[in-house]
Amino acid sequence: MHKKKVKALMEDYKQFAFTLLSVSAFLYIGTIIPNQGLTLFQQSVMMFATCSFLAGAFFCVKRSLKYKKQLDKMEES
């Protein structure tokens, strides 16, 4: 791959991670704020979605680090 493409992929995955982390924080705040209309099932679904978004953010960070290492290796040689 070319350096530009690897750098673009690294930055994209980093931005995806920040976005997913922000959404998961928003959903988590929605579950901890007391709300009279939220059922236990709805809270469980929101917590599952929060965990899913956090897992996605973790995956994107790992992928971004992979591309960063690949970019460093390309620049080194």
C-alpha atoms as a PDB file:
ATOM      1  CA  MET A   1       0.000   0.000   0.000  1.00  0.00           C
ATOM      2  CA  HIS A   2       1.034   3.571  -0.479  1.00  0.00           C
ATOM      3  CA  LYS A   3       1.885   5.819   2.435  1.00  0.00           C
ATOM      4  CA  LYS A   4      -1.013   8.174   1.723  1.00  0.00           C
ATOM      5  CA  LYS A   5      -3.541   5.352   1.797  1.00  0.00           C
ATOM      6  CA  VAL A   6      -2.140   3.870   5.016  1.00  0.00           C
ATOM      7  CA  LYS A   7      -2.120   7.289   6.682  1.00  0.00           C
ATOM      8  CA  ALA A   8      -5.705   7.935   5.561  1.00  0.00           C
ATOM      9  CA  LEU A   9      -6.818   4.556   6.931  1.00  0.00           C
ATOM     10  CA  MET A  10      -5.057   5.236  10.237  1.00  0.00           C
ATOM     11  CA  GLU A  11      -6.772   8.616  10.614  1.00  0.00           C
ATOM     12  CA  ASP A  12     -10.173   7.216   9.579  1.00  0.00           C
ATOM     13  CA  TYR A  13     -10.041   4.451  12.168  1.00  0.00           C
ATOM     14  CA  LYS A  14      -8.976   6.955  14.814  1.00  0.00           C
ATOM     15  CA  GLN A  15     -11.965   9.162  13.976  1.00  0.00           C
ATOM     16  CA  PHE A  16     -14.298   6.145  14.003  1.00  0.00           C
ATOM     17  CA  ALA A  17     -13.002   5.245  17.461  1.00  0.00           C
ATOM     18  CA  PHE A  18     -13.645   8.737  18.820  1.00  0.00           C
ATOM     19  CA  THR A  19     -17.134   8.773  17.313  1.00  0.00           C
ATOM     20  CA  LEU A  20     -18.035   5.366  18.733  1.00  0.00           C
ATOM     21  CA  LEU A  21     -16.654   6.356  22.123  1.00  0.00           C
ATOM     22  CA  SER A  22     -18.750   9.534  22.105  1.00  0.00           C
ATOM     23  CA  VAL A  23     -21.926   7.659  21.197  1.00  0.00           C
ATOM     24  CA  SER A  24     -21.302   5.053  23.882  1.00  0.00           C
ATOM     25  CA  ALA A  25     -20.798   7.780  26.493  1.00  0.00           C
ATOM     26  CA  PHE A  26     -24.062   9.410  25.403  1.00  0.00           C
ATOM     27  CA  LEU A  27     -25.940   6.111  25.705  1.00  0.00           C
ATOM     28  CA  TYR A  28     -24.377   5.353  29.075  1.00  0.00           C
ATOM     29  CA  ILE A  29     -25.428   8.742  30.441  1.00  0.00           C
ATOM     30  CA  GLY A  30     -28.945   7.956  29.184  1.00  0.00           C
ATOM     31  CA  THR A  31     -29.023   4.766  31.222  1.00  0.00           C
ATOM     32  CA  ILE A  32     -27.709   6.192  34.492  1.00  0.00           C
ATOM     33  CA  ILE A  33     -29.928   9.280  34.574  1.00  0.00           C
ATOM     34  CA  PRO A  34     -33.115   8.266  36.367  1.00  0.00           C
ATOM     35  CA  ASN A  35     -36.001   8.201  33.953  1.00  0.00           C
ATOM     36  CA  GLN A  36     -39.500   7.130  34.912  1.00  0.00           C
ATOM     37  CA  GLY A  37     -40.499   5.853  31.440  1.00  0.00           C
ATOM     38  CA  LEU A  38     -37.523   3.510  30.879  1.00  0.00           C
ATOM     39  CA  THR A  39     -38.229  -0.177  31.453  1.00  0.00           C
ATOM     40  CA  LEU A  40     -35.663  -2.740  32.534  1.00  0.00           C
ATOM     41  CA  PHE A  41     -35.631  -4.200  29.017  1.00  0.00           C
ATOM     42  CA  GLN A  42     -34.919  -0.788  27.487  1.00  0.00           C
ATOM     43  CA  GLN A  43     -32.102  -0.190  29.963  1.00  0.00           C
ATOM     44  CA  SER A  44     -30.625  -3.577  29.131  1.00  0.00           C
ATOM     45  CA  VAL A  45     -30.763  -2.827  25.413  1.00  0.00           C
ATOM     46  CA  MET A  46     -29.075   0.539  25.961  1.00  0.00           C
ATOM     47  CA  MET A  47     -26.320  -1.059  28.062  1.00  0.00           C
ATOM     48  CA  PHE A  48     -25.798  -3.729  25.402  1.00  0.00           C
ATOM     49  CA  ALA A  49     -25.552  -1.004  22.747  1.00  0.00           C
ATOM     50  CA  THR A  50     -23.097   0.904  24.954  1.00  0.00           C
ATOM     51  CA  CYS A  51     -20.906  -2.178  25.306  1.00  0.00           C
ATOM     52  CA  SER A  52     -21.125  -2.839  21.570  1.00  0.00           C
ATOM     53  CA  PHE A  53     -20.033   0.700  20.738  1.00  0.00           C
ATOM     54  CA  LEU A  54     -17.167   0.441  23.227  1.00  0.00           C
ATOM     55  CA  ALA A  55     -16.050  -2.829  21.650  1.00  0.00           C
ATOM     56  CA  GLY A  56     -16.200  -1.185  18.227  1.00  0.00           C
ATOM     57  CA  ALA A  57     -14.118   1.719  19.480  1.00  0.00           C
ATOM     58  CA  PHE A  58     -11.546  -0.699  20.902  1.00  0.00           C
ATOM     59  CA  PHE A  59     -11.403  -2.528  17.554  1.00  0.00           C
ATOM     60  CA  CYS A  60     -10.900   0.751  15.679  1.00  0.00           C
ATOM     61  CA  VAL A  61      -8.104   1.848  18.029  1.00  0.00           C
ATOM     62  CA  LYS A  62      -6.322  -1.475  17.565  1.00  0.00           C
ATOM     63  CA  ARG A  63      -6.694  -1.196  13.781  1.00  0.00           C
ATOM     64  CA  SER A  64      -5.422   2.385  13.827  1.00  0.00           C
ATOM     65  CA  LEU A  65      -2.351   1.319  15.807  1.00  0.00           C
ATOM     66  CA  LYS A  66      -1.732  -1.477  13.297  1.00  0.00           C
ATOM     67  CA  TYR A  67      -1.737   1.008  10.439  1.00  0.00           C
ATOM     68  CA  LYS A  68       0.476   3.399  12.406  1.00  0.00           C
ATOM     69  CA  LYS A  69       3.062   0.652  12.909  1.00  0.00           C
ATOM     70  CA  GLN A  70       2.836  -0.212   9.225  1.00  0.00           C
ATOM     71  CA  LEU A  71       3.336   3.457   8.314  1.00  0.00           C
ATOM     72  CA  ASP A  72       6.331   3.731  10.634  1.00  0.00           C
ATOM     73  CA  LYS A  73       7.838   0.626   9.045  1.00  0.00           C
ATOM     74  CA  MET A  74       7.282   2.079   5.551  1.00  0.00           C
ATOM     75  CA  GLU A  75       8.945   5.373   6.520  1.00  0.00           C
ATOM     76  CA  GLU A  76      11.854   3.564   8.139  1.00  0.00           C
ATOM     77  CA  SER A  77      12.777   1.668   4.985  1.00  0.00           C
END
